[in-house]
Amino acid sequence: MDPTHWAAGDVVTLSAEGFTPGETISLTMYDHSTGTVVWSADAVATANADGTFTHDIVLKSDVPLGDYLLVATGDDSGKERFLRFYWGSPDPDQSDPTVVSDGGGGGLPSTGN
């Protein structure tokens, strides 16, 4: 995720690796505490020849404060990359992002916000 610190209305670039070249990628955001789908978008990006993808999103201001999980899924392979983040809490140490879980072979980083 770039940038690693952001606010509502900012454009954020998501990127991940390990997908099948040419497959489409779908995104789903879950409320981590309940498992409820908050937002989803089908086939938002296509994996490059090296299995990577990038996609820009705008962070909405109407998302309630809370703990979320963003999942990027390869529509053909079923491979998943995960980003867990807390919306509404500043990152106290301003540290660089770390991989939460990559589902094998790369992943989306997490952020403290």
N, C-alpha and C. Protein backbone atom coordinates (compact mmCIF):
# COMPACT_ATOMS: atom_id res chain seq x y z
N MET A 1 0.85 -1.16 0.00
CA MET A 1 0.00 0.00 0.00
C MET A 1 0.90 1.22 0.00
N ASP A 2 0.63 2.15 -0.90
CA ASP A 2 1.42 3.35 -1.00
C ASP A 2 0.48 4.53 -1.18
N PRO A 3 0.52 5.54 -0.37
CA PRO A 3 1.44 5.74 0.74
C PRO A 3 1.10 4.85 1.93
N THR A 4 1.97 4.82 2.95
CA THR A 4 1.72 3.97 4.11
C THR A 4 0.89 4.66 5.18
N HIS A 5 0.70 5.97 5.08
CA HIS A 5 -0.15 6.71 6.01
C HIS A 5 -1.09 7.56 5.17
N TRP A 6 -2.39 7.57 5.51
CA TRP A 6 -3.36 8.21 4.65
C TRP A 6 -4.57 8.66 5.46
N ALA A 7 -5.42 9.41 4.77
CA ALA A 7 -6.66 9.91 5.36
C ALA A 7 -7.79 9.70 4.36
N ALA A 8 -9.02 9.83 4.83
CA ALA A 8 -10.19 9.69 3.95
C ALA A 8 -10.06 10.63 2.77
N GLY A 9 -10.38 10.13 1.58
CA GLY A 9 -10.31 10.90 0.36
C GLY A 9 -9.00 10.77 -0.38
N ASP A 10 -7.97 10.21 0.28
CA ASP A 10 -6.68 10.02 -0.37
C ASP A 10 -6.74 8.89 -1.39
N VAL A 11 -5.94 9.01 -2.45
CA VAL A 11 -5.76 7.92 -3.40
C VAL A 11 -4.62 7.05 -2.87
N VAL A 12 -4.87 5.75 -2.79
CA VAL A 12 -3.89 4.80 -2.29
C VAL A 12 -3.67 3.74 -3.36
N THR A 13 -2.41 3.40 -3.60
CA THR A 13 -2.08 2.38 -4.59
C THR A 13 -1.84 1.05 -3.88
N LEU A 14 -2.61 0.04 -4.25
CA LEU A 14 -2.43 -1.32 -3.75
C LEU A 14 -1.58 -2.08 -4.74
N SER A 15 -0.71 -2.94 -4.24
CA SER A 15 0.07 -3.80 -5.13
C SER A 15 0.35 -5.11 -4.42
N ALA A 16 0.49 -6.17 -5.21
CA ALA A 16 0.79 -7.49 -4.66
C ALA A 16 1.37 -8.35 -5.76
N GLU A 17 1.95 -9.46 -5.37
CA GLU A 17 2.59 -10.39 -6.30
C GLU A 17 2.10 -11.80 -6.06
N GLY A 18 2.46 -12.70 -6.95
CA GLY A 18 2.16 -14.11 -6.76
C GLY A 18 0.90 -14.60 -7.45
N PHE A 19 0.32 -13.78 -8.31
CA PHE A 19 -0.88 -14.19 -9.02
C PHE A 19 -0.50 -14.82 -10.36
N THR A 20 -1.46 -15.48 -11.00
CA THR A 20 -1.24 -16.06 -12.31
C THR A 20 -1.23 -14.95 -13.35
N PRO A 21 -0.19 -14.87 -14.18
CA PRO A 21 -0.15 -13.83 -15.20
C PRO A 21 -1.42 -13.79 -16.04
N GLY A 22 -1.97 -12.59 -16.22
CA GLY A 22 -3.16 -12.39 -17.03
C GLY A 22 -4.48 -12.56 -16.31
N GLU A 23 -4.48 -13.07 -15.08
CA GLU A 23 -5.77 -13.25 -14.40
C GLU A 23 -6.25 -11.93 -13.80
N THR A 24 -7.56 -11.80 -13.69
CA THR A 24 -8.13 -10.61 -13.07
C THR A 24 -8.10 -10.76 -11.55
N ILE A 25 -8.06 -9.61 -10.88
CA ILE A 25 -7.99 -9.56 -9.42
C ILE A 25 -9.22 -8.84 -8.90
N SER A 26 -9.87 -9.42 -7.91
CA SER A 26 -11.01 -8.80 -7.25
C SER A 26 -10.62 -8.42 -5.82
N LEU A 27 -11.25 -7.38 -5.29
CA LEU A 27 -10.97 -6.90 -3.94
C LEU A 27 -12.21 -7.00 -3.07
N THR A 28 -12.04 -7.41 -1.82
CA THR A 28 -13.13 -7.45 -0.85
C THR A 28 -12.61 -6.93 0.47
N MET A 29 -13.35 -6.01 1.09
CA MET A 29 -12.99 -5.49 2.40
C MET A 29 -14.01 -5.98 3.42
N TYR A 30 -13.50 -6.59 4.51
CA TYR A 30 -14.33 -7.15 5.56
C TYR A 30 -14.15 -6.38 6.85
N ASP A 31 -15.21 -6.28 7.64
CA ASP A 31 -15.10 -5.86 9.04
C ASP A 31 -14.47 -7.05 9.75
N HIS A 32 -13.25 -6.89 10.26
CA HIS A 32 -12.52 -8.01 10.83
C HIS A 32 -13.21 -8.61 12.04
N SER A 33 -13.91 -7.78 12.83
CA SER A 33 -14.54 -8.29 14.05
C SER A 33 -15.80 -9.11 13.77
N THR A 34 -16.49 -8.83 12.66
CA THR A 34 -17.75 -9.54 12.38
C THR A 34 -17.68 -10.43 11.14
N GLY A 35 -16.70 -10.19 10.26
CA GLY A 35 -16.62 -10.93 9.01
C GLY A 35 -17.56 -10.41 7.93
N THR A 36 -18.26 -9.31 8.22
CA THR A 36 -19.21 -8.72 7.28
C THR A 36 -18.47 -8.04 6.13
N VAL A 37 -18.94 -8.26 4.91
CA VAL A 37 -18.37 -7.57 3.75
C VAL A 37 -18.82 -6.12 3.80
N VAL A 38 -17.83 -5.21 3.78
CA VAL A 38 -18.09 -3.78 3.82
C VAL A 38 -18.09 -3.20 2.41
N TRP A 39 -17.23 -3.75 1.55
CA TRP A 39 -17.06 -3.24 0.20
C TRP A 39 -16.43 -4.32 -0.66
N SER A 40 -16.79 -4.37 -1.93
CA SER A 40 -16.13 -5.31 -2.85
C SER A 40 -16.17 -4.75 -4.26
N ALA A 41 -15.22 -5.20 -5.07
CA ALA A 41 -15.17 -4.81 -6.47
C ALA A 41 -14.58 -5.98 -7.25
N ASP A 42 -15.30 -6.42 -8.28
CA ASP A 42 -14.85 -7.55 -9.09
C ASP A 42 -13.95 -7.09 -10.22
N ALA A 43 -12.94 -7.90 -10.52
CA ALA A 43 -12.07 -7.71 -11.69
C ALA A 43 -11.56 -6.28 -11.83
N VAL A 44 -10.95 -5.75 -10.76
CA VAL A 44 -10.48 -4.37 -10.77
C VAL A 44 -9.11 -4.20 -11.41
N ALA A 45 -8.37 -5.29 -11.53
CA ALA A 45 -7.01 -5.23 -12.08
C ALA A 45 -6.71 -6.54 -12.77
N THR A 46 -5.64 -6.53 -13.56
CA THR A 46 -5.16 -7.74 -14.23
C THR A 46 -3.70 -7.94 -13.87
N ALA A 47 -3.35 -9.16 -13.49
CA ALA A 47 -1.96 -9.47 -13.13
C ALA A 47 -1.07 -9.36 -14.36
N ASN A 48 0.09 -8.72 -14.17
CA ASN A 48 1.09 -8.57 -15.23
C ASN A 48 1.75 -9.91 -15.53
N ALA A 49 2.63 -9.92 -16.51
CA ALA A 49 3.33 -11.14 -16.91
C ALA A 49 4.15 -11.75 -15.77
N ASP A 50 4.57 -10.92 -14.81
CA ASP A 50 5.33 -11.43 -13.66
C ASP A 50 4.45 -11.78 -12.45
N GLY A 51 3.12 -11.71 -12.64
CA GLY A 51 2.18 -12.09 -11.57
C GLY A 51 1.89 -10.99 -10.57
N THR A 52 2.32 -9.76 -10.85
CA THR A 52 2.04 -8.63 -9.96
C THR A 52 0.85 -7.83 -10.47
N PHE A 53 0.25 -7.04 -9.58
CA PHE A 53 -0.77 -6.09 -10.00
C PHE A 53 -0.66 -4.84 -9.15
N THR A 54 -1.16 -3.74 -9.69
CA THR A 54 -1.34 -2.51 -8.92
C THR A 54 -2.72 -1.97 -9.24
N HIS A 55 -3.30 -1.30 -8.26
CA HIS A 55 -4.63 -0.73 -8.45
C HIS A 55 -4.80 0.44 -7.48
N ASP A 56 -5.30 1.56 -7.97
CA ASP A 56 -5.55 2.73 -7.13
C ASP A 56 -6.97 2.70 -6.60
N ILE A 57 -7.12 3.02 -5.31
CA ILE A 57 -8.45 3.17 -4.70
C ILE A 57 -8.48 4.51 -3.99
N VAL A 58 -9.69 5.04 -3.78
CA VAL A 58 -9.90 6.24 -2.98
C VAL A 58 -10.55 5.78 -1.68
N LEU A 59 -9.93 6.16 -0.57
CA LEU A 59 -10.46 5.76 0.74
C LEU A 59 -11.66 6.62 1.09
N LYS A 60 -12.77 5.98 1.35
CA LYS A 60 -14.04 6.68 1.60
C LYS A 60 -14.10 7.22 3.02
N SER A 61 -14.79 8.32 3.19
CA SER A 61 -14.91 8.95 4.51
C SER A 61 -16.06 8.37 5.32
N ASP A 62 -16.92 7.56 4.71
CA ASP A 62 -18.09 7.04 5.43
C ASP A 62 -17.85 5.67 6.06
N VAL A 63 -16.61 5.18 6.03
CA VAL A 63 -16.29 3.90 6.66
C VAL A 63 -16.17 4.11 8.17
N PRO A 64 -16.93 3.38 8.98
CA PRO A 64 -16.84 3.54 10.44
C PRO A 64 -15.46 3.14 10.97
N LEU A 65 -15.08 3.72 12.09
CA LEU A 65 -13.84 3.34 12.74
C LEU A 65 -13.87 1.85 13.03
N GLY A 66 -12.72 1.19 12.88
CA GLY A 66 -12.70 -0.22 13.20
C GLY A 66 -11.55 -0.98 12.56
N ASP A 67 -11.55 -2.28 12.78
CA ASP A 67 -10.52 -3.21 12.34
C ASP A 67 -11.02 -3.88 11.06
N TYR A 68 -10.24 -3.77 9.97
CA TYR A 68 -10.67 -4.26 8.66
C TYR A 68 -9.65 -5.21 8.04
N LEU A 69 -10.13 -6.04 7.12
CA LEU A 69 -9.29 -6.94 6.36
C LEU A 69 -9.61 -6.73 4.89
N LEU A 70 -8.60 -6.36 4.09
CA LEU A 70 -8.76 -6.21 2.66
C LEU A 70 -8.12 -7.44 2.00
N VAL A 71 -8.88 -8.10 1.13
CA VAL A 71 -8.42 -9.32 0.47
C VAL A 71 -8.41 -9.10 -1.04
N ALA A 72 -7.24 -9.35 -1.65
CA ALA A 72 -7.12 -9.36 -3.11
C ALA A 72 -7.12 -10.82 -3.53
N THR A 73 -8.03 -11.18 -4.45
CA THR A 73 -8.19 -12.58 -4.86
C THR A 73 -7.99 -12.71 -6.37
N GLY A 74 -7.14 -13.66 -6.77
CA GLY A 74 -6.99 -13.98 -8.19
C GLY A 74 -8.23 -14.73 -8.65
N ASP A 75 -8.92 -14.19 -9.65
CA ASP A 75 -10.21 -14.77 -10.05
C ASP A 75 -10.08 -16.15 -10.69
N ASP A 76 -8.92 -16.48 -11.27
CA ASP A 76 -8.72 -17.82 -11.84
C ASP A 76 -8.05 -18.76 -10.85
N SER A 77 -6.99 -18.29 -10.21
CA SER A 77 -6.19 -19.16 -9.33
C SER A 77 -6.76 -19.31 -7.93
N GLY A 78 -7.55 -18.32 -7.49
CA GLY A 78 -8.05 -18.33 -6.12
C GLY A 78 -7.00 -17.89 -5.11
N LYS A 79 -5.80 -17.51 -5.57
CA LYS A 79 -4.77 -17.03 -4.65
C LYS A 79 -5.23 -15.75 -3.99
N GLU A 80 -4.87 -15.60 -2.71
CA GLU A 80 -5.30 -14.43 -1.95
C GLU A 80 -4.11 -13.74 -1.30
N ARG A 81 -4.20 -12.42 -1.18
CA ARG A 81 -3.26 -11.60 -0.44
C ARG A 81 -4.08 -10.74 0.51
N PHE A 82 -3.58 -10.53 1.72
CA PHE A 82 -4.35 -9.92 2.79
C PHE A 82 -3.69 -8.65 3.31
N LEU A 83 -4.53 -7.68 3.67
CA LEU A 83 -4.09 -6.46 4.33
C LEU A 83 -5.04 -6.21 5.49
N ARG A 84 -4.52 -6.26 6.70
CA ARG A 84 -5.34 -5.97 7.88
C ARG A 84 -4.94 -4.59 8.39
N PHE A 85 -5.92 -3.74 8.63
CA PHE A 85 -5.63 -2.39 9.10
C PHE A 85 -6.73 -1.90 10.02
N TYR A 86 -6.39 -0.91 10.84
CA TYR A 86 -7.38 -0.28 11.71
C TYR A 86 -7.65 1.11 11.17
N TRP A 87 -8.90 1.37 10.82
CA TRP A 87 -9.30 2.66 10.27
C TRP A 87 -9.64 3.59 11.42
N GLY A 88 -8.96 4.74 11.45
CA GLY A 88 -9.30 5.76 12.44
C GLY A 88 -8.31 5.87 13.58
N SER A 89 -7.25 5.08 13.56
CA SER A 89 -6.25 5.15 14.61
C SER A 89 -4.90 5.48 13.99
N PRO A 90 -4.29 6.59 14.39
CA PRO A 90 -2.99 6.92 13.81
C PRO A 90 -1.93 5.92 14.22
N ASP A 91 -0.95 5.72 13.36
CA ASP A 91 0.17 4.83 13.62
C ASP A 91 1.12 5.55 14.58
N PRO A 92 1.18 5.13 15.86
CA PRO A 92 1.96 5.89 16.84
C PRO A 92 3.45 5.91 16.57
N ASP A 93 4.00 4.90 15.93
CA ASP A 93 5.44 4.89 15.71
C ASP A 93 5.83 5.26 14.28
N GLN A 94 4.83 5.53 13.41
CA GLN A 94 5.08 5.91 12.02
C GLN A 94 6.02 4.91 11.32
N SER A 95 5.90 3.64 11.68
CA SER A 95 6.78 2.62 11.14
C SER A 95 6.40 2.24 9.72
N ASP A 96 7.35 1.59 9.04
CA ASP A 96 7.09 1.09 7.69
C ASP A 96 6.10 -0.06 7.76
N PRO A 97 5.36 -0.31 6.68
CA PRO A 97 4.38 -1.40 6.68
C PRO A 97 5.07 -2.76 6.73
N THR A 98 4.34 -3.73 7.24
CA THR A 98 4.83 -5.11 7.28
C THR A 98 3.76 -6.02 6.71
N VAL A 99 4.17 -7.17 6.21
CA VAL A 99 3.21 -8.12 5.68
C VAL A 99 2.47 -8.79 6.82
N VAL A 100 1.15 -8.76 6.78
CA VAL A 100 0.33 -9.41 7.79
C VAL A 100 0.23 -10.89 7.48
N SER A 101 -0.19 -11.22 6.29
CA SER A 101 -0.30 -12.60 5.84
C SER A 101 -0.30 -12.57 4.33
N ASP A 102 0.46 -13.43 3.72
CA ASP A 102 0.56 -13.34 2.27
C ASP A 102 -0.11 -14.49 1.53
N GLY A 103 -0.64 -15.46 2.23
CA GLY A 103 -1.29 -16.56 1.54
C GLY A 103 -0.32 -17.32 0.66
N GLY A 104 0.97 -17.06 0.80
CA GLY A 104 1.99 -17.75 0.03
C GLY A 104 2.49 -16.93 -1.13
N GLY A 105 3.73 -16.47 -1.06
CA GLY A 105 4.35 -15.81 -2.20
C GLY A 105 4.04 -14.36 -2.36
N GLY A 106 4.24 -13.55 -1.35
CA GLY A 106 4.04 -12.10 -1.47
C GLY A 106 2.76 -11.68 -0.83
N GLY A 107 2.53 -10.40 -0.77
CA GLY A 107 1.29 -9.96 -0.17
C GLY A 107 1.17 -8.47 -0.08
N LEU A 108 0.00 -8.02 0.30
CA LEU A 108 -0.24 -6.61 0.54
C LEU A 108 0.31 -6.28 1.92
N PRO A 109 0.92 -5.11 2.07
CA PRO A 109 1.42 -4.72 3.39
C PRO A 109 0.30 -4.22 4.27
N SER A 110 0.56 -4.12 5.56
CA SER A 110 -0.42 -3.54 6.47
C SER A 110 0.01 -2.12 6.78
N THR A 111 -0.91 -1.37 7.34
CA THR A 111 -0.61 0.01 7.74
C THR A 111 -1.20 0.25 9.10
N GLY A 112 -0.64 1.19 9.81
CA GLY A 112 -1.11 1.48 11.18
C GLY A 112 -2.32 2.36 11.21
N ASN A 113 -2.86 2.78 10.10
CA ASN A 113 -4.01 3.65 10.12
C ASN A 113 -5.22 2.94 9.58
